[in-house]
Amino acid sequence: MAIAIPVLTATAVLAPTMGAGAAAAAVPGSEQSIQSAPESRISHYSGGGVTIRGNKWLGGKGVNVIRSRQCTELATRLYAKKGWGSLNNIYGMRTNRVYGGKLTFHRNGSGYVPVPGDVLVELGGSYQHVAVVNKVTKKGIQTVEQNAMPNGRHFYPLKGKKAFGAFGPRHVGGYIHSKKNKNTN
């Protein structure tokens, strides 16, 4: 039985009804169920199955990265599975505010060093983008993402305390961190 999961455009604000409970309930037991969603629910990348298996990133505890899904869907699904909080307003979050008692937005260049599982937010241009941090090194931030790179991975170089390497006219705006995310670098 196919389970339909709402897929959002990159500029969309995630609906409050798509909280952690709703997203977790939409993916019962297996991420395989989302691969059979109707063709009308996928982005401009067609034919996208699983690009990166969940056991191949985030220390083997990620979720499947599906190229044909919107970028926000990956972050929402990961946070729902982990119980890290509801990503209701990814692009509306602002510097160093706490959302729902669980999520904090840290501005790029503020000195905050993202950890695996944080959501990197690109802002500017005609649409926005998000990616999930997989690893941070002295040279930069390795992320996984949907609806952007064909291999599902992107690298953002660090220059001092700032990350660069956003797509097109966008810039790295900052990072969303969940207090329940206990990952470290």
C-alpha atoms as a PDB file:
ATOM      1  CA  MET A   1       0.000   0.000   0.000  1.00  0.00           C
ATOM      2  CA  ALA A   2       1.496   3.332  -1.051  1.00  0.00           C
ATOM      3  CA  ILE A   3       1.596   6.095   1.521  1.00  0.00           C
ATOM      4  CA  ALA A   4       1.398   9.623   0.135  1.00  0.00           C
ATOM      5  CA  ILE A   5       3.593  12.152   1.877  1.00  0.00           C
ATOM      6  CA  PRO A   6       3.101  15.844   1.141  1.00  0.00           C
ATOM      7  CA  VAL A   7       6.113  17.215  -0.676  1.00  0.00           C
ATOM      8  CA  LEU A   8       6.739  20.926  -0.351  1.00  0.00           C
ATOM      9  CA  THR A   9       8.334  23.347  -2.734  1.00  0.00           C
ATOM     10  CA  ALA A  10      11.618  24.816  -1.614  1.00  0.00           C
ATOM     11  CA  THR A  11       9.990  28.157  -0.877  1.00  0.00           C
ATOM     12  CA  ALA A  12       7.121  26.696   1.103  1.00  0.00           C
ATOM     13  CA  VAL A  13       6.651  27.116   4.809  1.00  0.00           C
ATOM     14  CA  LEU A  14       6.074  23.760   6.393  1.00  0.00           C
ATOM     15  CA  ALA A  15       2.503  23.435   7.574  1.00  0.00           C
ATOM     16  CA  PRO A  16       1.945  23.219  11.324  1.00  0.00           C
ATOM     17  CA  THR A  17      -0.067  20.046  10.758  1.00  0.00           C
ATOM     18  CA  MET A  18       3.098  18.336   9.543  1.00  0.00           C
ATOM     19  CA  GLY A  19       4.532  18.055  13.031  1.00  0.00           C
ATOM     20  CA  ALA A  20       6.762  15.276  14.286  1.00  0.00           C
ATOM     21  CA  GLY A  21       3.836  13.000  15.076  1.00  0.00           C
ATOM     22  CA  ALA A  22       2.155  13.474  11.704  1.00  0.00           C
ATOM     23  CA  ALA A  23       5.359  12.940   9.734  1.00  0.00           C
ATOM     24  CA  ALA A  24       6.336   9.894  11.769  1.00  0.00           C
ATOM     25  CA  ALA A  25       2.873   8.418  11.348  1.00  0.00           C
ATOM     26  CA  ALA A  26       3.103   8.997   7.598  1.00  0.00           C
ATOM     27  CA  VAL A  27       6.142   6.748   7.336  1.00  0.00           C
ATOM     28  CA  PRO A  28       5.231   3.536   9.149  1.00  0.00           C
ATOM     29  CA  GLY A  29       8.278   1.413   9.832  1.00  0.00           C
ATOM     30  CA  SER A  30       9.883   1.712   6.425  1.00  0.00           C
ATOM     31  CA  GLU A  31      11.033   4.577   4.274  1.00  0.00           C
ATOM     32  CA  GLN A  32      10.459   2.356   1.245  1.00  0.00           C
ATOM     33  CA  SER A  33       6.789   3.355   1.329  1.00  0.00           C
ATOM     34  CA  ILE A  34       7.504   6.906   0.168  1.00  0.00           C
ATOM     35  CA  GLN A  35       9.175   5.734  -3.015  1.00  0.00           C
ATOM     36  CA  SER A  36       5.850   4.601  -4.427  1.00  0.00           C
ATOM     37  CA  ALA A  37       4.089   7.962  -4.034  1.00  0.00           C
ATOM     38  CA  PRO A  38       2.326   9.235  -7.163  1.00  0.00           C
ATOM     39  CA  GLU A  39       4.423  10.878  -9.883  1.00  0.00           C
ATOM     40  CA  SER A  40       2.570  14.182  -9.312  1.00  0.00           C
ATOM     41  CA  ARG A  41       4.145  14.488  -5.856  1.00  0.00           C
ATOM     42  CA  ILE A  42       7.776  14.636  -6.925  1.00  0.00           C
ATOM     43  CA  SER A  43       9.942  17.580  -7.872  1.00  0.00           C
ATOM     44  CA  HIS A  44      11.621  18.392 -11.177  1.00  0.00           C
ATOM     45  CA  TYR A  45      14.079  15.515 -10.665  1.00  0.00           C
ATOM     46  CA  SER A  46      12.358  12.480 -12.083  1.00  0.00           C
ATOM     47  CA  GLY A  47      13.185   8.841 -11.634  1.00  0.00           C
ATOM     48  CA  GLY A  48      14.743   9.476  -8.267  1.00  0.00           C
ATOM     49  CA  GLY A  49      14.884   6.495  -6.003  1.00  0.00           C
ATOM     50  CA  VAL A  50      17.034   6.292  -2.908  1.00  0.00           C
ATOM     51  CA  THR A  51      20.269   8.199  -3.541  1.00  0.00           C
ATOM     52  CA  ILE A  52      21.876   7.572  -0.137  1.00  0.00           C
ATOM     53  CA  ARG A  53      20.707   4.907   2.290  1.00  0.00           C
ATOM     54  CA  GLY A  54      20.061   6.086   5.847  1.00  0.00           C
ATOM     55  CA  ASN A  55      22.715   3.720   7.194  1.00  0.00           C
ATOM     56  CA  LYS A  56      25.377   5.494   5.098  1.00  0.00           C
ATOM     57  CA  TRP A  57      25.267   8.879   6.829  1.00  0.00           C
ATOM     58  CA  LEU A  58      24.723  10.458  10.251  1.00  0.00           C
ATOM     59  CA  GLY A  59      26.758   7.685  11.835  1.00  0.00           C
ATOM     60  CA  GLY A  60      24.484   5.049  10.300  1.00  0.00           C
ATOM     61  CA  LYS A  61      21.389   6.652  11.860  1.00  0.00           C
ATOM     62  CA  GLY A  62      20.150   8.855   9.020  1.00  0.00           C
ATOM     63  CA  VAL A  63      17.091   8.409   6.819  1.00  0.00           C
ATOM     64  CA  ASN A  64      17.047   7.537   3.136  1.00  0.00           C
ATOM     65  CA  VAL A  65      17.904  10.476   0.882  1.00  0.00           C
ATOM     66  CA  ILE A  66      15.579  10.476  -2.130  1.00  0.00           C
ATOM     67  CA  ARG A  67      16.726  12.677  -4.980  1.00  0.00           C
ATOM     68  CA  SER A  68      13.258  13.346  -6.360  1.00  0.00           C
ATOM     69  CA  ARG A  69      11.899  14.752  -3.079  1.00  0.00           C
ATOM     70  CA  GLN A  70      12.022  18.374  -1.976  1.00  0.00           C
ATOM     71  CA  CYS A  71      14.861  19.469   0.297  1.00  0.00           C
ATOM     72  CA  THR A  72      12.570  20.373   3.185  1.00  0.00           C
ATOM     73  CA  GLU A  73      11.024  16.893   3.147  1.00  0.00           C
ATOM     74  CA  LEU A  74      14.365  15.301   4.105  1.00  0.00           C
ATOM     75  CA  ALA A  75      14.896  17.586   7.107  1.00  0.00           C
ATOM     76  CA  THR A  76      11.279  17.228   8.239  1.00  0.00           C
ATOM     77  CA  ARG A  77      11.361  13.437   7.952  1.00  0.00           C
ATOM     78  CA  LEU A  78      14.684  13.156   9.816  1.00  0.00           C
ATOM     79  CA  TYR A  79      13.539  15.410  12.685  1.00  0.00           C
ATOM     80  CA  ALA A  80      10.231  13.526  12.930  1.00  0.00           C
ATOM     81  CA  LYS A  81      11.986  10.148  13.068  1.00  0.00           C
ATOM     82  CA  LYS A  82      14.432  11.370  15.710  1.00  0.00           C
ATOM     83  CA  GLY A  83      11.813  13.263  17.756  1.00  0.00           C
ATOM     84  CA  TRP A  84      13.980  16.379  17.504  1.00  0.00           C
ATOM     85  CA  GLY A  85      11.148  18.846  16.954  1.00  0.00           C
ATOM     86  CA  SER A  86       8.758  20.068  14.309  1.00  0.00           C
ATOM     87  CA  LEU A  87      10.226  22.070  11.448  1.00  0.00           C
ATOM     88  CA  ASN A  88       7.168  24.223  10.843  1.00  0.00           C
ATOM     89  CA  ASN A  89       8.823  27.377   9.539  1.00  0.00           C
ATOM     90  CA  ILE A  90      12.316  26.641   8.253  1.00  0.00           C
ATOM     91  CA  TYR A  91      12.749  29.847   6.233  1.00  0.00           C
ATOM     92  CA  GLY A  92      11.018  32.086   8.782  1.00  0.00           C
ATOM     93  CA  MET A  93      13.393  31.244  11.636  1.00  0.00           C
ATOM     94  CA  ARG A  94      15.626  34.025  12.856  1.00  0.00           C
ATOM     95  CA  THR A  95      18.893  34.315  14.718  1.00  0.00           C
ATOM     96  CA  ASN A  96      19.298  32.782  18.142  1.00  0.00           C
ATOM     97  CA  ARG A  97      15.592  32.379  18.845  1.00  0.00           C
ATOM     98  CA  VAL A  98      14.253  29.184  20.355  1.00  0.00           C
ATOM     99  CA  TYR A  99      11.271  27.587  18.584  1.00  0.00           C
ATOM    100  CA  GLY A 100       8.902  25.245  20.378  1.00  0.00           C
ATOM    101  CA  GLY A 101      11.384  24.909  23.234  1.00  0.00           C
ATOM    102  CA  LYS A 102      13.475  22.550  21.074  1.00  0.00           C
ATOM    103  CA  LEU A 103      14.917  24.333  18.035  1.00  0.00           C
ATOM    104  CA  THR A 104      17.382  27.206  17.844  1.00  0.00           C
ATOM    105  CA  PHE A 105      18.426  29.078  14.700  1.00  0.00           C
ATOM    106  CA  HIS A 106      22.108  30.140  14.669  1.00  0.00           C
ATOM    107  CA  ARG A 107      23.231  32.729  12.120  1.00  0.00           C
ATOM    108  CA  ASN A 108      26.110  31.782   9.815  1.00  0.00           C
ATOM    109  CA  GLY A 109      29.275  33.483  11.078  1.00  0.00           C
ATOM    110  CA  SER A 110      27.988  33.809  14.658  1.00  0.00           C
ATOM    111  CA  GLY A 111      30.604  31.402  15.988  1.00  0.00           C
ATOM    112  CA  TYR A 112      28.208  28.470  16.317  1.00  0.00           C
ATOM    113  CA  VAL A 113      29.713  25.302  14.837  1.00  0.00           C
ATOM    114  CA  PRO A 114      27.001  23.035  13.412  1.00  0.00           C
ATOM    115  CA  VAL A 115      26.886  19.370  14.398  1.00  0.00           C
ATOM    116  CA  PRO A 116      25.708  16.343  12.404  1.00  0.00           C
ATOM    117  CA  GLY A 117      21.926  16.459  12.115  1.00  0.00           C
ATOM    118  CA  ASP A 118      21.660  20.253  12.107  1.00  0.00           C
ATOM    119  CA  VAL A 119      19.793  21.798   9.176  1.00  0.00           C
ATOM    120  CA  LEU A 120      21.852  24.181   7.032  1.00  0.00           C
ATOM    121  CA  VAL A 121      19.586  26.893   5.578  1.00  0.00           C
ATOM    122  CA  GLU A 122      20.373  28.752   2.347  1.00  0.00           C
ATOM    123  CA  LEU A 123      18.604  32.102   1.931  1.00  0.00           C
ATOM    124  CA  GLY A 124      18.296  34.671  -0.856  1.00  0.00           C
ATOM    125  CA  GLY A 125      17.420  34.468  -4.522  1.00  0.00           C
ATOM    126  CA  SER A 126      14.009  33.449  -5.801  1.00  0.00           C
ATOM    127  CA  TYR A 127      13.874  30.238  -3.760  1.00  0.00           C
ATOM    128  CA  GLN A 128      15.577  28.799  -0.690  1.00  0.00           C
ATOM    129  CA  HIS A 129      17.313  25.481   0.051  1.00  0.00           C
ATOM    130  CA  VAL A 130      18.130  23.302   3.044  1.00  0.00           C
ATOM    131  CA  ALA A 131      20.572  20.456   3.600  1.00  0.00           C
ATOM    132  CA  VAL A 132      21.312  18.278   6.617  1.00  0.00           C
ATOM    133  CA  VAL A 133      24.795  18.427   8.154  1.00  0.00           C
ATOM    134  CA  ASN A 134      26.559  15.066   8.026  1.00  0.00           C
ATOM    135  CA  LYS A 135      30.090  16.024   9.106  1.00  0.00           C
ATOM    136  CA  VAL A 136      32.074  19.157   9.955  1.00  0.00           C
ATOM    137  CA  THR A 137      35.839  19.426   9.442  1.00  0.00           C
ATOM    138  CA  LYS A 138      38.275  22.335   9.626  1.00  0.00           C
ATOM    139  CA  LYS A 139      37.853  22.743   5.867  1.00  0.00           C
ATOM    140  CA  GLY A 140      34.062  22.767   5.725  1.00  0.00           C
ATOM    141  CA  ILE A 141      30.640  21.243   6.166  1.00  0.00           C
ATOM    142  CA  GLN A 142      29.610  18.029   4.441  1.00  0.00           C
ATOM    143  CA  THR A 143      25.852  17.756   3.931  1.00  0.00           C
ATOM    144  CA  VAL A 144      23.272  15.440   2.448  1.00  0.00           C
ATOM    145  CA  GLU A 145      20.371  16.907   0.532  1.00  0.00           C
ATOM    146  CA  GLN A 146      17.480  16.232  -1.765  1.00  0.00           C
ATOM    147  CA  ASN A 147      16.473  18.039  -4.944  1.00  0.00           C
ATOM    148  CA  ALA A 148      19.876  19.560  -5.686  1.00  0.00           C
ATOM    149  CA  MET A 149      23.030  17.525  -6.322  1.00  0.00           C
ATOM    150  CA  PRO A 150      22.561  14.262  -8.267  1.00  0.00           C
ATOM    151  CA  ASN A 151      24.653  12.339  -5.701  1.00  0.00           C
ATOM    152  CA  GLY A 152      22.751  13.816  -2.736  1.00  0.00           C
ATOM    153  CA  ARG A 153      25.854  15.405  -1.194  1.00  0.00           C
ATOM    154  CA  HIS A 154      27.243  18.937  -1.044  1.00  0.00           C
ATOM    155  CA  PHE A 155      30.313  20.537   0.550  1.00  0.00           C
ATOM    156  CA  TYR A 156      30.255  24.052   2.007  1.00  0.00           C
ATOM    157  CA  PRO A 157      33.794  25.428   2.556  1.00  0.00           C
ATOM    158  CA  LEU A 158      34.504  27.299   5.781  1.00  0.00           C
ATOM    159  CA  LYS A 159      36.422  30.585   5.740  1.00  0.00           C
ATOM    160  CA  GLY A 160      36.960  31.586   9.341  1.00  0.00           C
ATOM    161  CA  LYS A 161      33.602  31.211  11.065  1.00  0.00           C
ATOM    162  CA  LYS A 162      31.504  31.503   7.873  1.00  0.00           C
ATOM    163  CA  ALA A 163      30.292  28.811   5.515  1.00  0.00           C
ATOM    164  CA  PHE A 164      30.153  29.487   1.770  1.00  0.00           C
ATOM    165  CA  GLY A 165      29.188  27.475  -1.290  1.00  0.00           C
ATOM    166  CA  ALA A 166      25.444  28.051  -1.504  1.00  0.00           C
ATOM    167  CA  PHE A 167      23.758  27.488  -4.852  1.00  0.00           C
ATOM    168  CA  GLY A 168      23.275  30.409  -7.261  1.00  0.00           C
ATOM    169  CA  PRO A 169      22.502  33.794  -5.709  1.00  0.00           C
ATOM    170  CA  ARG A 170      21.804  32.319  -2.273  1.00  0.00           C
ATOM    171  CA  HIS A 171      24.009  32.416   0.816  1.00  0.00           C
ATOM    172  CA  VAL A 172      24.273  30.212   3.885  1.00  0.00           C
ATOM    173  CA  GLY A 173      21.923  31.958   6.297  1.00  0.00           C
ATOM    174  CA  GLY A 174      22.481  29.712   9.283  1.00  0.00           C
ATOM    175  CA  TYR A 175      21.719  26.446  11.017  1.00  0.00           C
ATOM    176  CA  ILE A 176      18.772  24.960  12.862  1.00  0.00           C
ATOM    177  CA  HIS A 177      19.805  22.907  15.893  1.00  0.00           C
ATOM    178  CA  SER A 178      17.580  20.735  18.058  1.00  0.00           C
ATOM    179  CA  LYS A 179      18.314  20.560  21.774  1.00  0.00           C
ATOM    180  CA  LYS A 180      17.537  16.855  21.503  1.00  0.00           C
ATOM    181  CA  ASN A 181      20.286  16.347  18.911  1.00  0.00           C
ATOM    182  CA  LYS A 182      23.204  15.037  20.997  1.00  0.00           C
ATOM    183  CA  ASN A 183      25.624  14.597  18.056  1.00  0.00           C
ATOM    184  CA  THR A 184      29.057  16.188  18.324  1.00  0.00           C
ATOM    185  CA  ASN A 185      31.889  16.870  15.879  1.00  0.00           C
END
